[in-house]
C-alpha atoms as a PDB file:
ATOM      1  CA  UNK A   1     102.187 125.721 129.422  1.00  0.00           C
ATOM      2  CA  UNK A   2     101.559 129.715 129.531  1.00  0.00           C
ATOM      3  CA  UNK A   3     102.313 130.124 125.947  1.00  0.00           C
ATOM      4  CA  UNK A   4     102.800 127.459 123.025  1.00  0.00           C
ATOM      5  CA  UNK A   5     105.969 128.225 121.293  1.00  0.00           C
ATOM      6  CA  UNK A   6     106.345 128.439 117.520  1.00  0.00           C
ATOM      7  CA  UNK A   7     105.361 125.342 115.828  1.00  0.00           C
ATOM      8  CA  UNK A   8     107.866 124.564 113.109  1.00  0.00           C
ATOM      9  CA  UNK A   9     106.823 122.845 109.690  1.00  0.00           C
ATOM     10  CA  UNK A  10     109.165 120.303 108.207  1.00  0.00           C
ATOM     11  CA  UNK A  11     108.291 119.451 104.547  1.00  0.00           C
ATOM     12  CA  UNK A  12     109.226 115.749 103.651  1.00  0.00           C
ATOM     13  CA  UNK A  13     110.430 115.669  99.987  1.00  0.00           C
ATOM     14  CA  UNK A  14     110.547 111.776  99.626  1.00  0.00           C
ATOM     15  CA  UNK A  15     107.714 111.736  97.096  1.00  0.00           C
ATOM     16  CA  UNK A  16     109.352 114.110  94.810  1.00  0.00           C
ATOM     17  CA  UNK A  17     112.207 111.609  94.401  1.00  0.00           C
ATOM     18  CA  UNK A  18     109.304 108.810  94.162  1.00  0.00           C
ATOM     19  CA  UNK A  19     108.439 110.617  90.999  1.00  0.00           C
ATOM     20  CA  UNK A  20     111.745 110.935  89.472  1.00  0.00           C
ATOM     21  CA  UNK A  21     112.341 107.389  90.013  1.00  0.00           C
ATOM     22  CA  UNK A  22     109.562 106.310  88.166  1.00  0.00           C
ATOM     23  CA  UNK A  23     111.482 107.245  84.901  1.00  0.00           C
ATOM     24  CA  UNK A  24     115.086 107.544  86.236  1.00  0.00           C
ATOM     25  CA  UNK A  25     117.260 110.519  85.259  1.00  0.00           C
ATOM     26  CA  UNK A  26     117.377 113.662  87.614  1.00  0.00           C
ATOM     27  CA  UNK A  27     113.681 115.331  87.145  1.00  0.00           C
ATOM     28  CA  UNK A  28     111.995 116.385  89.233  1.00  0.00           C
ATOM     29  CA  UNK A  29     114.886 117.013  91.797  1.00  0.00           C
ATOM     30  CA  UNK A  30     114.260 116.744  95.216  1.00  0.00           C
ATOM     31  CA  UNK A  31     116.867 119.322  96.295  1.00  0.00           C
ATOM     32  CA  UNK A  32     115.030 121.758  94.147  1.00  0.00           C
ATOM     33  CA  UNK A  33     111.858 121.120  95.680  1.00  0.00           C
ATOM     34  CA  UNK A  34     113.314 121.561  99.255  1.00  0.00           C
ATOM     35  CA  UNK A  35     114.764 124.797  97.974  1.00  0.00           C
ATOM     36  CA  UNK A  36     111.515 125.845  96.971  1.00  0.00           C
ATOM     37  CA  UNK A  37     109.444 124.449 100.281  1.00  0.00           C
ATOM     38  CA  UNK A  38     112.150 126.914 102.145  1.00  0.00           C
ATOM     39  CA  UNK A  39     111.307 129.916 100.202  1.00  0.00           C
ATOM     40  CA  UNK A  40     107.723 129.077 101.029  1.00  0.00           C
ATOM     41  CA  UNK A  41     108.297 128.984 104.897  1.00  0.00           C
ATOM     42  CA  UNK A  42     109.168 125.567 105.663  1.00  0.00           C
ATOM     43  CA  UNK A  43     111.363 125.586 108.684  1.00  0.00           C
ATOM     44  CA  UNK A  44     113.294 122.279 107.771  1.00  0.00           C
ATOM     45  CA  UNK A  45     113.423 119.416 105.138  1.00  0.00           C
ATOM     46  CA  UNK A  46     112.693 115.792 106.206  1.00  0.00           C
ATOM     47  CA  UNK A  47     114.067 112.745 103.787  1.00  0.00           C
ATOM     48  CA  UNK A  48     113.935 109.210 104.437  1.00  0.00           C
ATOM     49  CA  UNK A  49     116.701 107.113 103.314  1.00  0.00           C
ATOM     50  CA  UNK A  50     115.302 103.686 102.892  1.00  0.00           C
ATOM     51  CA  UNK A  51     117.342 100.534 102.592  1.00  0.00           C
ATOM     52  CA  UNK A  52     115.777  99.633  99.134  1.00  0.00           C
ATOM     53  CA  UNK A  53     116.272 103.379  98.122  1.00  0.00           C
ATOM     54  CA  UNK A  54     112.952 103.421  96.780  1.00  0.00           C
ATOM     55  CA  UNK A  55     113.243 107.092  96.643  1.00  0.00           C
ATOM     56  CA  UNK A  56     115.502 109.326  98.523  1.00  0.00           C
ATOM     57  CA  UNK A  57     119.125 108.050  97.341  1.00  0.00           C
ATOM     58  CA  UNK A  58     122.374 108.455  99.094  1.00  0.00           C
ATOM     59  CA  UNK A  59     123.238 111.369  96.671  1.00  0.00           C
ATOM     60  CA  UNK A  60     120.164 113.174  97.458  1.00  0.00           C
ATOM     61  CA  UNK A  61     121.046 113.347 101.265  1.00  0.00           C
ATOM     62  CA  UNK A  62     124.455 114.572 100.815  1.00  0.00           C
ATOM     63  CA  UNK A  63     123.203 117.247  98.132  1.00  0.00           C
ATOM     64  CA  UNK A  64     120.283 118.345 100.757  1.00  0.00           C
ATOM     65  CA  UNK A  65     122.960 118.724 103.528  1.00  0.00           C
ATOM     66  CA  UNK A  66     125.266 120.613 101.185  1.00  0.00           C
ATOM     67  CA  UNK A  67     122.892 123.063  99.569  1.00  0.00           C
ATOM     68  CA  UNK A  68     119.987 123.702 101.933  1.00  0.00           C
ATOM     69  CA  UNK A  69     120.049 126.493 104.499  1.00  0.00           C
ATOM     70  CA  UNK A  70     117.513 125.067 107.260  1.00  0.00           C
ATOM     71  CA  UNK A  71     117.816 122.014 109.140  1.00  0.00           C
ATOM     72  CA  UNK A  72     117.955 118.265 107.506  1.00  0.00           C
ATOM     73  CA  UNK A  73     116.087 115.896 109.336  1.00  0.00           C
ATOM     74  CA  UNK A  74     117.305 112.496 108.041  1.00  0.00           C
ATOM     75  CA  UNK A  75     114.653 109.505 108.629  1.00  0.00           C
ATOM     76  CA  UNK A  76     116.447 106.162 108.999  1.00  0.00           C
ATOM     77  CA  UNK A  77     116.124 102.483 110.180  1.00  0.00           C
ATOM     78  CA  UNK A  78     118.479 102.085 113.426  1.00  0.00           C
ATOM     79  CA  UNK A  79     120.811  99.581 111.174  1.00  0.00           C
ATOM     80  CA  UNK A  80     124.483  99.745 110.869  1.00  0.00           C
ATOM     81  CA  UNK A  81     124.457 101.016 107.337  1.00  0.00           C
ATOM     82  CA  UNK A  82     122.217 104.062 107.949  1.00  0.00           C
ATOM     83  CA  UNK A  83     124.284 104.941 111.218  1.00  0.00           C
ATOM     84  CA  UNK A  84     127.407 105.066 108.750  1.00  0.00           C
ATOM     85  CA  UNK A  85     125.824 107.331 106.405  1.00  0.00           C
ATOM     86  CA  UNK A  86     124.228 109.453 109.097  1.00  0.00           C
ATOM     87  CA  UNK A  87     127.592 110.087 110.957  1.00  0.00           C
ATOM     88  CA  UNK A  88     129.079 110.880 107.495  1.00  0.00           C
ATOM     89  CA  UNK A  89     126.427 113.350 106.524  1.00  0.00           C
ATOM     90  CA  UNK A  90     125.950 115.070 109.780  1.00  0.00           C
ATOM     91  CA  UNK A  91     122.603 116.186 109.144  1.00  0.00           C
ATOM     92  CA  UNK A  92     120.839 118.449 111.984  1.00  0.00           C
ATOM     93  CA  UNK A  93     118.558 115.663 112.896  1.00  0.00           C
ATOM     94  CA  UNK A  94     117.888 111.711 112.695  1.00  0.00           C
ATOM     95  CA  UNK A  95     114.609 110.295 113.306  1.00  0.00           C
ATOM     96  CA  UNK A  96     114.706 106.411 113.842  1.00  0.00           C
ATOM     97  CA  UNK A  97     111.906 104.925 112.446  1.00  0.00           C
ATOM     98  CA  UNK A  98     110.635 101.247 111.906  1.00  0.00           C
ATOM     99  CA  UNK A  99     111.133  99.876 108.403  1.00  0.00           C
ATOM    100  CA  UNK A 100     110.454  96.775 106.411  1.00  0.00           C
ATOM    101  CA  UNK A 101     110.890  96.623 102.657  1.00  0.00           C
ATOM    102  CA  UNK A 102     107.421  95.345 101.713  1.00  0.00           C
ATOM    103  CA  UNK A 103     105.679  98.214 103.117  1.00  0.00           C
ATOM    104  CA  UNK A 104     104.294 101.145 101.091  1.00  0.00           C
ATOM    105  CA  UNK A 105     104.881 103.762 103.897  1.00  0.00           C
ATOM    106  CA  UNK A 106     105.653 103.447 107.502  1.00  0.00           C
ATOM    107  CA  UNK A 107     102.923 101.607 109.193  1.00  0.00           C
ATOM    108  CA  UNK A 108     103.264 101.961 112.793  1.00  0.00           C
ATOM    109  CA  UNK A 109     105.491 103.525 115.506  1.00  0.00           C
ATOM    110  CA  UNK A 110     109.072 102.347 116.502  1.00  0.00           C
ATOM    111  CA  UNK A 111     108.806  99.637 119.226  1.00  0.00           C
ATOM    112  CA  UNK A 112     111.558 101.415 121.589  1.00  0.00           C
ATOM    113  CA  UNK A 113     110.254  99.018 124.639  1.00  0.00           C
ATOM    114  CA  UNK A 114     110.989  95.845 122.532  1.00  0.00           C
ATOM    115  CA  UNK A 115     113.889  97.230 120.848  1.00  0.00           C
ATOM    116  CA  UNK A 116     115.740  99.355 123.528  1.00  0.00           C
ATOM    117  CA  UNK A 117     119.090  97.109 123.702  1.00  0.00           C
ATOM    118  CA  UNK A 118     119.471  97.465 119.921  1.00  0.00           C
ATOM    119  CA  UNK A 119     118.522 101.359 119.823  1.00  0.00           C
ATOM    120  CA  UNK A 120     120.454 102.303 122.796  1.00  0.00           C
ATOM    121  CA  UNK A 121     123.872 102.387 121.003  1.00  0.00           C
ATOM    122  CA  UNK A 122     122.708 104.070 117.919  1.00  0.00           C
ATOM    123  CA  UNK A 123     121.150 106.809 119.959  1.00  0.00           C
ATOM    124  CA  UNK A 124     124.275 107.147 121.786  1.00  0.00           C
ATOM    125  CA  UNK A 125     126.574 107.403 118.778  1.00  0.00           C
ATOM    126  CA  UNK A 126     124.366 110.060 117.037  1.00  0.00           C
ATOM    127  CA  UNK A 127     124.010 112.064 120.229  1.00  0.00           C
ATOM    128  CA  UNK A 128     127.733 111.991 120.996  1.00  0.00           C
ATOM    129  CA  UNK A 129     128.070 113.166 117.243  1.00  0.00           C
ATOM    130  CA  UNK A 130     125.629 116.235 118.065  1.00  0.00           C
ATOM    131  CA  UNK A 131     123.154 115.221 115.872  1.00  0.00           C
ATOM    132  CA  UNK A 132     119.544 115.633 117.495  1.00  0.00           C
ATOM    133  CA  UNK A 133     117.748 111.809 117.881  1.00  0.00           C
ATOM    134  CA  UNK A 134     114.125 111.715 117.357  1.00  0.00           C
ATOM    135  CA  UNK A 135     111.899 108.329 117.914  1.00  0.00           C
ATOM    136  CA  UNK A 136     109.088 108.027 115.617  1.00  0.00           C
ATOM    137  CA  UNK A 137     106.482 106.344 118.141  1.00  0.00           C
ATOM    138  CA  UNK A 138     102.756 105.717 118.792  1.00  0.00           C
ATOM    139  CA  UNK A 139     101.370 108.260 121.633  1.00  0.00           C
ATOM    140  CA  UNK A 140     101.576 105.124 124.032  1.00  0.00           C
ATOM    141  CA  UNK A 141     103.029 105.928 127.656  1.00  0.00           C
ATOM    142  CA  UNK A 142     105.351 102.921 127.806  1.00  0.00           C
ATOM    143  CA  UNK A 143     107.242 103.828 124.405  1.00  0.00           C
ATOM    144  CA  UNK A 144     107.452 107.741 125.614  1.00  0.00           C
ATOM    145  CA  UNK A 145     108.897 106.594 128.946  1.00  0.00           C
ATOM    146  CA  UNK A 146     111.206 104.443 127.312  1.00  0.00           C
ATOM    147  CA  UNK A 147     112.314 106.847 124.984  1.00  0.00           C
ATOM    148  CA  UNK A 148     113.195 109.312 127.670  1.00  0.00           C
ATOM    149  CA  UNK A 149     115.422 106.649 129.510  1.00  0.00           C
ATOM    150  CA  UNK A 150     117.252 106.074 126.106  1.00  0.00           C
ATOM    151  CA  UNK A 151     118.218 109.831 126.327  1.00  0.00           C
ATOM    152  CA  UNK A 152     116.657 110.447 122.971  1.00  0.00           C
ATOM    153  CA  UNK A 153     115.620 114.247 123.104  1.00  0.00           C
ATOM    154  CA  UNK A 154     112.746 114.293 121.026  1.00  0.00           C
ATOM    155  CA  UNK A 155     109.802 111.924 120.280  1.00  0.00           C
ATOM    156  CA  UNK A 156     107.667 112.365 117.012  1.00  0.00           C
ATOM    157  CA  UNK A 157     104.202 110.980 117.542  1.00  0.00           C
ATOM    158  CA  UNK A 158     102.724 108.844 114.617  1.00  0.00           C
ATOM    159  CA  UNK A 159      99.571 110.328 114.012  1.00  0.00           C
ATOM    160  CA  UNK A 160      98.513 108.086 111.172  1.00  0.00           C
ATOM    161  CA  UNK A 161      95.977 106.042 112.831  1.00  0.00           C
ATOM    162  CA  UNK A 162      94.112 109.238 113.805  1.00  0.00           C
ATOM    163  CA  UNK A 163      94.491 110.716 110.086  1.00  0.00           C
ATOM    164  CA  UNK A 164      93.030 107.502 108.850  1.00  0.00           C
ATOM    165  CA  UNK A 165      90.117 107.471 110.987  1.00  0.00           C
ATOM    166  CA  UNK A 166      89.311 111.025 110.156  1.00  0.00           C
ATOM    167  CA  UNK A 167      89.551 110.621 106.534  1.00  0.00           C
ATOM    168  CA  UNK A 168      87.326 107.291 106.560  1.00  0.00           C
ATOM    169  CA  UNK A 169      84.632 109.038 108.757  1.00  0.00           C
ATOM    170  CA  UNK A 170      85.201 106.558 111.929  1.00  0.00           C
ATOM    171  CA  UNK A 171      84.405 109.150 114.621  1.00  0.00           C
ATOM    172  CA  UNK A 172      84.532 107.021 117.509  1.00  0.00           C
ATOM    173  CA  UNK A 173      88.129 105.724 116.490  1.00  0.00           C
ATOM    174  CA  UNK A 174      89.180 109.103 115.474  1.00  0.00           C
ATOM    175  CA  UNK A 175      88.367 110.416 118.766  1.00  0.00           C
ATOM    176  CA  UNK A 176      89.852 107.782 120.641  1.00  0.00           C
ATOM    177  CA  UNK A 177      93.058 108.272 118.769  1.00  0.00           C
ATOM    178  CA  UNK A 178      92.639 111.943 119.191  1.00  0.00           C
ATOM    179  CA  UNK A 179      92.598 111.419 122.846  1.00  0.00           C
ATOM    180  CA  UNK A 180      95.630 109.412 122.852  1.00  0.00           C
ATOM    181  CA  UNK A 181      97.744 111.847 121.257  1.00  0.00           C
ATOM    182  CA  UNK A 182      96.523 114.787 123.649  1.00  0.00           C
ATOM    183  CA  UNK A 183      97.684 112.356 126.790  1.00  0.00           C
ATOM    184  CA  UNK A 184     100.703 111.169 124.927  1.00  0.00           C
ATOM    185  CA  UNK A 185     101.799 114.691 123.966  1.00  0.00           C
ATOM    186  CA  UNK A 186     101.387 115.921 127.763  1.00  0.00           C
ATOM    187  CA  UNK A 187     103.321 112.881 129.094  1.00  0.00           C
ATOM    188  CA  UNK A 188     106.337 113.531 126.680  1.00  0.00           C
ATOM    189  CA  UNK A 189     106.762 116.979 127.346  1.00  0.00           C
ATOM    190  CA  UNK A 190     106.111 116.378 131.249  1.00  0.00           C
ATOM    191  CA  UNK A 191     109.162 114.036 130.776  1.00  0.00           C
ATOM    192  CA  UNK A 192     111.272 116.652 129.467  1.00  0.00           C
ATOM    193  CA  UNK A 193     110.935 115.485 125.733  1.00  0.00           C
ATOM    194  CA  UNK A 194     110.664 117.712 122.557  1.00  0.00           C
ATOM    195  CA  UNK A 195     107.498 116.690 121.103  1.00  0.00           C
ATOM    196  CA  UNK A 196     106.963 116.421 117.166  1.00  0.00           C
ATOM    197  CA  UNK A 197     104.201 114.926 115.172  1.00  0.00           C
ATOM    198  CA  UNK A 198     103.922 113.472 111.727  1.00  0.00           C
ATOM    199  CA  UNK A 199     102.088 110.983 109.356  1.00  0.00           C
ATOM    200  CA  UNK A 200      98.993 111.340 107.293  1.00  0.00           C
ATOM    201  CA  UNK A 201      98.363 114.963 108.084  1.00  0.00           C
ATOM    202  CA  UNK A 202      96.581 117.418 105.933  1.00  0.00           C
ATOM    203  CA  UNK A 203      95.209 121.045 106.136  1.00  0.00           C
ATOM    204  CA  UNK A 204      92.486 119.829 108.436  1.00  0.00           C
ATOM    205  CA  UNK A 205      94.329 117.469 110.968  1.00  0.00           C
ATOM    206  CA  UNK A 206      97.095 119.905 110.813  1.00  0.00           C
ATOM    207  CA  UNK A 207      95.303 122.808 112.027  1.00  0.00           C
ATOM    208  CA  UNK A 208      93.757 120.618 114.718  1.00  0.00           C
ATOM    209  CA  UNK A 209      97.055 119.229 116.109  1.00  0.00           C
ATOM    210  CA  UNK A 210      98.649 122.494 115.794  1.00  0.00           C
ATOM    211  CA  UNK A 211      96.444 123.495 118.891  1.00  0.00           C
ATOM    212  CA  UNK A 212      98.315 121.392 121.090  1.00  0.00           C
ATOM    213  CA  UNK A 213     100.801 123.299 122.958  1.00  0.00           C
ATOM    214  CA  UNK A 214     103.207 120.682 123.560  1.00  0.00           C
ATOM    215  CA  UNK A 215     104.115 119.929 119.912  1.00  0.00           C
ATOM    216  CA  UNK A 216     106.628 122.090 118.610  1.00  0.00           C
ATOM    217  CA  UNK A 217     107.129 120.603 115.112  1.00  0.00           C
ATOM    218  CA  UNK A 218     104.836 118.891 112.206  1.00  0.00           C
ATOM    219  CA  UNK A 219     106.613 116.721 109.543  1.00  0.00           C
ATOM    220  CA  UNK A 220     104.488 116.709 106.502  1.00  0.00           C
ATOM    221  CA  UNK A 221     105.132 115.109 103.192  1.00  0.00           C
ATOM    222  CA  UNK A 222     102.670 112.784 101.099  1.00  0.00           C
ATOM    223  CA  UNK A 223      99.548 115.225 101.212  1.00  0.00           C
ATOM    224  CA  UNK A 224     101.540 118.160 100.444  1.00  0.00           C
ATOM    225  CA  UNK A 225     103.451 116.707  97.377  1.00  0.00           C
ATOM    226  CA  UNK A 226     100.086 115.607  95.935  1.00  0.00           C
ATOM    227  CA  UNK A 227      98.687 118.938  96.527  1.00  0.00           C
ATOM    228  CA  UNK A 228     101.517 120.435  94.712  1.00  0.00           C
ATOM    229  CA  UNK A 229     100.745 118.786  91.742  1.00  0.00           C
ATOM    230  CA  UNK A 230      97.509 120.646  91.432  1.00  0.00           C
ATOM    231  CA  UNK A 231      98.439 124.419  92.981  1.00  0.00           C
ATOM    232  CA  UNK A 232     102.008 124.368  93.172  1.00  0.00           C
ATOM    233  CA  UNK A 233     104.634 123.877  95.911  1.00  0.00           C
ATOM    234  CA  UNK A 234     104.929 127.377  97.245  1.00  0.00           C
ATOM    235  CA  UNK A 235     101.110 127.681  97.372  1.00  0.00           C
ATOM    236  CA  UNK A 236     100.844 124.268  99.382  1.00  0.00           C
ATOM    237  CA  UNK A 237     103.403 124.992 101.840  1.00  0.00           C
ATOM    238  CA  UNK A 238     102.035 128.567 102.270  1.00  0.00           C
ATOM    239  CA  UNK A 239      98.357 126.913 102.838  1.00  0.00           C
ATOM    240  CA  UNK A 240      99.811 124.512 105.372  1.00  0.00           C
ATOM    241  CA  UNK A 241     101.703 127.193 107.158  1.00  0.00           C
ATOM    242  CA  UNK A 242      98.429 129.256 107.351  1.00  0.00           C
ATOM    243  CA  UNK A 243      96.302 126.134 108.895  1.00  0.00           C
ATOM    244  CA  UNK A 244      99.030 125.448 111.329  1.00  0.00           C
ATOM    245  CA  UNK A 245      98.927 129.110 112.299  1.00  0.00           C
ATOM    246  CA  UNK A 246      95.157 129.062 112.769  1.00  0.00           C
ATOM    247  CA  UNK A 247      95.443 125.850 114.991  1.00  0.00           C
ATOM    248  CA  UNK A 248      97.983 127.522 117.108  1.00  0.00           C
ATOM    249  CA  UNK A 249      96.053 130.635 117.626  1.00  0.00           C
ATOM    250  CA  UNK A 250      92.961 128.691 118.491  1.00  0.00           C
END
C-alpha cells in the first residue's frame, strides 16, 4: 500500500450500560456517553445487543440510531431475533460475533468456516438492506478466505489473544500472535476485504496495531470506559486518538 488510509476509531459504549444496569434506572446513559465520545473525536459508536441484554438494551440501540450523528456499529449474534432488530434499526453496520450466555466477554472469533451455511442468509439479508456487514474473526487464513466467499465486505480481526499475551508478559506468545495479525490483515486486504481490529486494545497495543496500513478501523471499549473513570471520557478518547495517530505515522 502506497499510503495508509485514515484510521477510524469506534468507541464501544457497552460498559456504560453495564454500570447503569448494576443499579437500574437511566444513569449513566450510554447515549450521552456516545455523544461525548463523538465530540472528543470518535468516528463511530459500537454497541453489542446481547441475547441476555446484560448491558445494552433494545431502547439503547433505537436511541443511538436516532440521536448520534456518526455511524452506529451494531454487534450481534447471527440469530433470527437479532436479524429482525437490526433490519428494523437500520444501523450503518452490523458486526456478527459469536456469543455464549455464560461468557464474560466475547472469547474468540466467529467460526465462519464451520457456520457458513447459517451465516450466509444473515449476511445476504443485511447486505440487501444496505447495512455493511463485518465478521469478527481470528486472523486465520481459512476464516478470512471464507469471509470473502460469503460476501461480507469487512472483517474485524480479534486481537484479544495478542493483547492478553502482551499484558501478561508472555513475549513469545505475544510475538506469535502479532505475526498472525500482520499476516491476517495482509491476506484480508489482498482478498478485497476492509480490515478492522478490536478486543482488549489499550493505548500501547492500539498504537502498535495502528502501524498496519491494511487496518482502517479500531473498535475499543472496555479499556476506554475503565480509563474514563479516572480521567474522563473526552480525555480518554483524545489520548486514544493520539496513540493511534502516532502509530499510523510511524
